[in-house]
Protein backbone atom coordinates (compact mmCIF):
# COMPACT_ATOMS: atom_id res chain seq x y z
CA MET A 1 34.47 100.83 97.60
CA ARG A 2 36.48 102.61 100.28
CA ILE A 3 39.05 99.78 100.38
CA ALA A 4 39.32 99.66 96.61
CA THR A 5 39.82 103.40 96.44
CA ASP A 6 42.52 103.40 99.11
CA SER A 7 44.36 100.60 97.33
CA TYR A 8 44.15 102.46 94.06
CA LEU A 9 45.45 105.66 95.61
CA ASN A 10 48.47 103.88 97.10
CA THR A 11 49.26 102.22 93.81
CA MET A 12 48.86 105.51 91.99
CA LEU A 13 51.18 107.32 94.39
CA ASN A 14 53.82 104.60 94.08
CA GLN A 15 53.64 104.85 90.30
CA PHE A 16 53.98 108.63 90.43
CA ASN A 17 56.99 108.40 92.73
CA LEU A 18 58.63 105.81 90.50
CA LEU A 19 58.14 107.88 87.36
CA LYS A 20 59.27 111.04 89.16
CA GLN A 21 62.47 109.36 90.37
CA GLN A 22 63.16 108.04 86.88
CA GLN A 23 62.82 111.58 85.54
CA ILE A 24 65.24 112.90 88.16
CA ASN A 25 67.79 110.17 87.40
CA LEU A 26 67.59 110.74 83.66
CA GLN A 27 67.80 114.52 84.07
CA ASN A 28 70.94 114.04 86.20
CA GLN A 29 72.44 111.86 83.48
CA VAL A 30 71.75 114.53 80.87
CA SER A 31 73.26 117.30 83.02
CA THR A 32 76.35 115.36 84.20
CA GLY A 33 76.91 113.12 81.18
CA LEU A 34 77.25 110.14 83.54
CA SER A 35 75.02 107.11 83.47
CA VAL A 36 76.45 105.70 86.71
CA GLN A 37 76.60 107.98 89.74
CA ALA A 38 75.75 105.54 92.52
CA PRO A 39 76.12 101.75 92.91
CA SER A 40 72.35 101.35 92.71
CA ASP A 41 72.24 102.88 89.22
CA ASN A 42 74.07 99.92 87.69
CA PRO A 43 76.00 97.69 90.13
CA ALA A 44 77.94 95.85 87.42
CA ALA A 45 78.95 99.04 85.60
CA MET A 46 79.84 100.71 88.89
CA GLN A 47 82.16 97.81 89.84
CA THR A 48 83.83 97.96 86.44
CA THR A 49 84.29 101.71 86.78
CA LEU A 50 85.73 101.39 90.29
CA ASN A 51 88.18 98.72 89.10
CA ASP A 52 89.24 100.92 86.18
CA LEU A 53 89.67 103.92 88.49
CA ALA A 54 91.90 101.86 90.80
CA SER A 55 93.97 100.72 87.82
CA GLU A 56 94.19 104.30 86.58
CA SER A 57 95.43 105.50 89.97
CA ALA A 58 98.11 102.79 90.02
CA GLN A 59 99.12 103.66 86.46
CA GLN A 60 99.47 107.33 87.39
CA GLN A 61 101.84 106.33 90.20
CA TYR A 62 103.89 104.20 87.82
CA SER A 63 104.10 107.11 85.37
CA SER A 64 105.28 109.39 88.18
CA ASN A 65 107.90 106.81 89.18
CA ILE A 66 109.11 106.58 85.59
CA THR A 67 109.51 110.35 85.39
CA THR A 68 111.51 110.33 88.63
CA ALA A 69 113.65 107.42 87.41
CA GLN A 70 114.37 109.15 84.10
CA ALA A 71 115.57 112.27 85.88
CA GLN A 72 117.85 110.19 88.13
CA ALA A 73 119.16 108.23 85.15
CA ASN A 74 120.09 111.48 83.42
CA SER A 75 121.96 112.67 86.52
CA VAL A 76 123.80 109.35 86.73
CA TYR A 77 124.67 109.53 83.04
CA SER A 78 126.11 113.03 83.39
CA ALA A 79 128.40 111.88 86.21
CA LEU A 80 129.40 108.74 84.28
CA GLN A 81 130.41 110.78 81.26
CA SER A 82 132.71 112.90 83.41
CA LEU A 83 134.17 109.80 85.07
CA GLN A 84 134.73 108.15 81.73
CA THR A 85 136.69 111.19 80.58
CA LEU A 86 138.62 111.14 83.85
CA THR A 87 139.69 107.50 83.54
CA SER A 88 140.70 108.11 79.95
CA GLN A 89 142.91 110.98 81.06
CA ALA A 90 144.51 108.80 83.72
CA ASN A 91 145.29 106.10 81.15
CA THR A 92 146.83 108.69 78.86
CA ILE A 93 149.11 109.77 81.72
CA THR A 94 150.26 106.17 82.34
CA THR A 95 151.10 105.83 78.64
CA GLU A 96 153.08 109.05 78.46
CA ALA A 97 154.78 108.65 81.84
CA GLY A 98 155.80 105.10 81.15
CA ASN A 99 157.95 105.76 78.08
CA GLY A 100 161.04 106.33 80.23
CA THR A 101 162.01 109.69 78.73
CA LEU A 102 160.40 112.09 81.22
CA SER A 103 162.33 114.01 83.84
CA SER A 104 161.51 113.81 87.54
CA SER A 105 159.90 117.26 87.42
CA GLN A 106 157.71 116.16 84.53
CA LEU A 107 156.70 113.03 86.45
CA GLN A 108 155.92 115.19 89.47
CA SER A 109 153.75 117.39 87.29
CA TYR A 110 151.82 114.32 86.21
CA ALA A 111 151.52 113.27 89.85
CA THR A 112 149.95 116.63 90.61
CA GLN A 113 147.49 116.14 87.74
CA VAL A 114 146.56 112.69 89.06
CA ASN A 115 145.93 114.12 92.52
CA ALA A 116 143.56 116.62 90.93
CA LEU A 117 141.82 113.77 89.12
CA ILE A 118 141.33 111.95 92.44
CA GLN A 119 139.74 115.02 94.00
CA GLN A 120 137.48 115.43 90.99
CA ALA A 121 136.49 111.76 91.18
CA VAL A 122 135.53 112.15 94.85
CA GLN A 123 133.30 115.09 93.95
CA LEU A 124 131.63 113.06 91.21
CA ALA A 125 131.28 110.09 93.56
CA ASN A 126 129.23 112.33 95.87
CA THR A 127 126.82 113.44 93.14
CA GLN A 128 123.33 114.15 94.42
CA ASP A 129 119.94 113.84 92.80
CA PRO A 130 118.90 117.46 92.12
CA ALA A 131 115.25 116.71 92.91
CA THR A 132 115.62 114.82 96.20
CA GLY A 133 119.14 115.61 97.41
CA GLN A 134 119.83 111.87 97.75
CA TYR A 135 123.33 110.62 96.84
CA LEU A 136 123.34 108.54 93.67
CA PHE A 137 126.34 106.28 94.34
CA GLY A 138 125.89 105.24 97.97
CA GLY A 139 123.59 102.30 97.37
CA THR A 140 120.51 102.38 99.59
CA ASN A 141 122.48 104.39 102.15
CA SER A 142 121.81 107.52 100.14
CA GLY A 143 121.31 110.09 102.88
CA GLN A 144 124.98 110.94 103.42
CA PRO A 145 128.00 111.47 101.14
CA PRO A 146 129.18 107.98 100.17
CA TYR A 147 132.85 108.93 99.89
CA SER A 148 135.27 110.86 102.08
CA ALA A 149 138.94 111.57 101.35
CA THR A 150 141.95 112.03 103.60
CA THR A 151 144.94 114.13 102.56
CA ASP A 152 148.49 114.67 103.74
CA ALA A 153 150.17 117.96 104.65
CA ASN A 154 150.85 118.65 100.97
CA GLY A 155 147.21 118.23 99.97
CA ASN A 156 147.77 114.86 98.30
CA VAL A 157 144.89 112.40 98.69
CA THR A 158 146.15 109.42 100.68
CA GLY A 159 142.92 107.48 101.08
CA VAL A 160 139.25 107.42 100.05
CA THR A 161 136.68 105.69 102.24
CA TYR A 162 133.32 104.33 101.10
CA GLN A 163 130.41 104.88 103.50
CA GLY A 164 127.62 103.42 101.39
CA ASN A 165 126.55 99.84 100.71
CA SER A 166 126.25 97.50 97.73
CA SER A 167 122.43 97.49 97.49
CA VAL A 168 120.32 99.61 95.15
CA ASN A 169 116.76 100.93 95.31
CA GLN A 170 114.29 99.24 92.99
CA ILE A 171 111.68 101.60 91.52
CA PRO A 172 108.28 100.11 90.49
CA ILE A 173 107.52 101.17 86.92
CA ALA A 174 104.73 98.70 86.05
CA ALA A 175 102.78 95.92 87.72
CA GLY A 176 105.42 93.47 88.99
CA VAL A 177 108.23 95.36 87.23
CA THR A 178 111.01 97.35 88.91
CA VAL A 179 114.18 99.06 87.72
CA ALA A 180 117.42 100.10 89.45
CA VAL A 181 118.66 103.48 88.26
CA THR A 182 121.34 104.37 90.78
CA VAL A 183 124.66 102.54 91.08
CA PRO A 184 126.51 101.45 94.23
CA GLY A 185 129.94 103.01 94.47
CA GLN A 186 131.46 99.79 95.74
CA ASN A 187 130.55 96.11 95.57
CA THR A 188 132.97 93.44 96.72
CA THR A 189 130.33 90.75 97.33
CA GLY A 190 130.62 89.19 93.89
CA THR A 191 126.85 89.46 93.29
CA GLY A 192 124.32 92.16 92.52
CA SER A 193 124.93 95.45 90.75
CA TYR A 194 128.48 96.18 89.62
CA GLY A 195 130.24 98.77 91.75
CA LEU A 196 131.02 102.01 89.97
CA PHE A 197 134.43 102.69 91.53
CA THR A 198 135.24 99.34 93.12
CA ASP A 199 134.06 95.90 92.03
CA SER A 200 135.66 92.57 92.81
CA ARG A 201 134.45 90.96 89.57
CA THR A 202 135.98 93.47 87.16
CA GLY A 203 139.12 94.35 89.10
CA ALA A 204 137.99 97.97 89.28
CA ASP A 205 139.31 99.98 92.24
CA LEU A 206 139.60 103.46 90.82
CA PHE A 207 140.53 105.47 93.91
CA ASN A 208 143.23 103.09 95.14
CA HIS A 209 144.60 102.73 91.61
CA LEU A 210 144.81 106.48 91.14
CA ILE A 211 146.44 106.95 94.55
CA GLN A 212 149.02 104.30 93.71
CA LEU A 213 149.67 105.92 90.32
CA GLN A 214 150.20 109.26 92.03
CA LYS A 215 152.72 107.69 94.41
CA ASP A 216 154.61 105.92 91.62
CA LEU A 217 154.81 109.11 89.59
CA SER A 218 156.07 111.09 92.59
CA SER A 219 158.74 108.51 93.33
CA GLY A 220 159.73 108.15 89.67
CA ASN A 221 158.81 104.45 89.59
CA THR A 222 157.97 104.36 85.88
CA SER A 223 158.36 100.59 85.79
CA ALA A 224 155.38 100.21 88.13
CA VAL A 225 153.46 102.77 86.09
CA THR A 226 153.95 100.66 82.97
CA SER A 227 153.60 97.15 84.42
CA THR A 228 150.91 97.64 87.07
CA ASP A 229 149.22 101.03 87.08
CA SER A 230 148.47 100.98 83.38
CA GLN A 231 146.63 97.64 83.52
CA ASN A 232 144.77 98.55 86.69
CA LEU A 233 143.47 101.74 85.17
CA LYS A 234 142.42 99.90 82.02
CA ASN A 235 140.23 97.74 84.26
CA ASP A 236 138.75 100.91 85.72
CA GLU A 237 138.16 102.38 82.28
CA ASN A 238 136.49 99.18 81.04
CA ASN A 239 134.24 99.12 84.09
CA MET A 240 133.27 102.73 83.46
CA THR A 241 132.45 101.89 79.83
CA TYR A 242 130.20 99.09 81.07
CA GLN A 243 128.44 101.48 83.46
CA VAL A 244 127.76 103.99 80.68
CA ALA A 245 126.33 101.24 78.45
CA ASN A 246 124.18 99.88 81.29
CA ASN A 247 122.81 103.34 81.97
CA GLY A 248 121.91 103.63 78.30
CA ASN A 249 120.00 100.33 78.51
CA VAL A 250 118.13 101.56 81.59
CA GLN A 251 117.16 104.81 79.88
CA ALA A 252 115.96 102.94 76.79
CA ARG A 253 113.87 100.67 78.99
CA LEU A 254 112.35 103.65 80.80
CA THR A 255 111.50 105.34 77.50
CA THR A 256 109.71 102.22 76.27
CA THR A 257 107.88 101.74 79.56
CA ALA A 258 106.83 105.41 79.60
CA SER A 259 105.30 105.00 76.14
CA LEU A 260 103.41 101.88 77.25
CA ALA A 261 102.25 103.66 80.40
CA THR A 262 100.79 106.50 78.33
CA SER A 263 98.94 104.02 76.10
CA GLN A 264 97.56 102.15 79.10
CA SER A 265 96.43 105.38 80.77
CA ASN A 266 94.61 106.44 77.61
CA ALA A 267 92.95 103.02 77.32
CA LEU A 268 91.80 103.14 80.94
CA ALA A 269 90.40 106.65 80.48
CA THR A 270 88.42 105.39 77.48
CA ASP A 271 87.13 102.37 79.42
CA ILE A 272 86.05 104.57 82.33
CA SER A 273 84.28 106.93 79.97
CA ASN A 274 82.54 104.07 78.18
CA SER A 275 81.37 102.37 81.37
CA SER A 276 80.15 105.50 83.18
CA SER A 277 79.17 108.00 80.47
CA ALA A 278 75.58 108.36 79.38
CA ASP A 279 74.45 107.96 75.76
CA LEU A 280 72.93 111.42 75.36
CA VAL A 281 70.56 110.49 72.51
CA GLN A 282 69.29 107.38 74.29
CA THR A 283 69.02 109.20 77.63
CA LEU A 284 67.02 112.07 76.12
CA THR A 285 64.72 109.56 74.43
CA GLU A 286 64.14 107.72 77.71
CA LEU A 287 63.60 111.03 79.53
CA ASN A 288 60.98 112.08 76.98
CA GLN A 289 59.25 108.70 77.28
CA THR A 290 59.25 108.91 81.07
CA GLN A 291 57.85 112.44 81.05
CA THR A 292 55.13 111.34 78.63
CA ALA A 293 54.30 108.39 80.86
CA TYR A 294 54.18 110.67 83.87
CA GLN A 295 51.79 113.07 82.18
CA ALA A 296 49.64 110.18 80.99
CA ALA A 297 49.50 108.78 84.51
CA LEU A 298 48.40 112.16 85.84
CA ALA A 299 45.64 112.41 83.25
CA SER A 300 44.53 108.83 83.87
CA SER A 301 44.47 109.25 87.62
CA ALA A 302 42.41 112.45 87.29
CA GLY A 303 39.77 110.56 85.35
CA MET A 304 39.78 107.67 87.77
CA MET A 305 39.43 110.05 90.72
CA GLN A 306 36.31 111.59 89.15
CA LEU A 307 34.80 108.14 88.69
CA SER A 308 35.62 107.22 92.24
CA ILE A 309 33.86 110.33 93.56
CA LEU A 310 30.72 109.46 91.60
CA ASN A 311 30.48 106.23 93.52
CA TYR A 312 29.76 108.22 96.68
CA LEU A 313 26.96 110.35 95.13
CA PRO A 314 23.36 109.33 95.86
């Protein structure tokens, strides 16, 4: 009888421990609202939750990238608007100066205006991202001003040098999806993003065209203004129009992607909640059942212990 009693006691203790642990687990679920708190609780649900959490983290990074890209796109757009106005003003000057009726002093006045436009264009070419301080039109070489100007003794701009490159940073905005927001100031490779100020495919070369226009106006060469400068600046204006339209397409794409990102984040949050949250009604029911079983086991074991003691009485 001693062996049987020892075996019973071990079994009884194991049962008590099991029921006690079940109560603790269920009480934790009620207090935290989570059905899965450790891999052992539900390995399959835990793996699903971990996968969803990893996806949610990645989605949060994409959303942050989209916000950054939208801010940069707005900064680029603001500079493009000013440049578009500038090229339009330059074309107006070529039209008015090329009619052959202006005096040399009037042409010189226009030359002075063009020089001011060149200086303004250089400032716009060195636009920085307000958030990061990076230069928007230097390609991937965005840590220094992409353009520098040289002037003569009279303050006239005689040359503008590009110090950037023709590459652009690609920003991840979704799984396997990137977008280029910034624009290289110059691209003479014939491939890749169109250069904002100089591009071999469109014939754009804004700084050199403006400098030549300034020289022709100063020298009174209205024939060159009409035959050459006017067409060159039209190419620049057309290129600027393209850049504005392209920026609009980028912003529309970012808006759409931001909306999708929000939907995906909400869906992931719901999935995580569904896979890890406890059903309060079901959990309370199971807790009550476990507590009842525990109390019943205590009562049963008390009776069995009394019977076991009787076996030792004479």
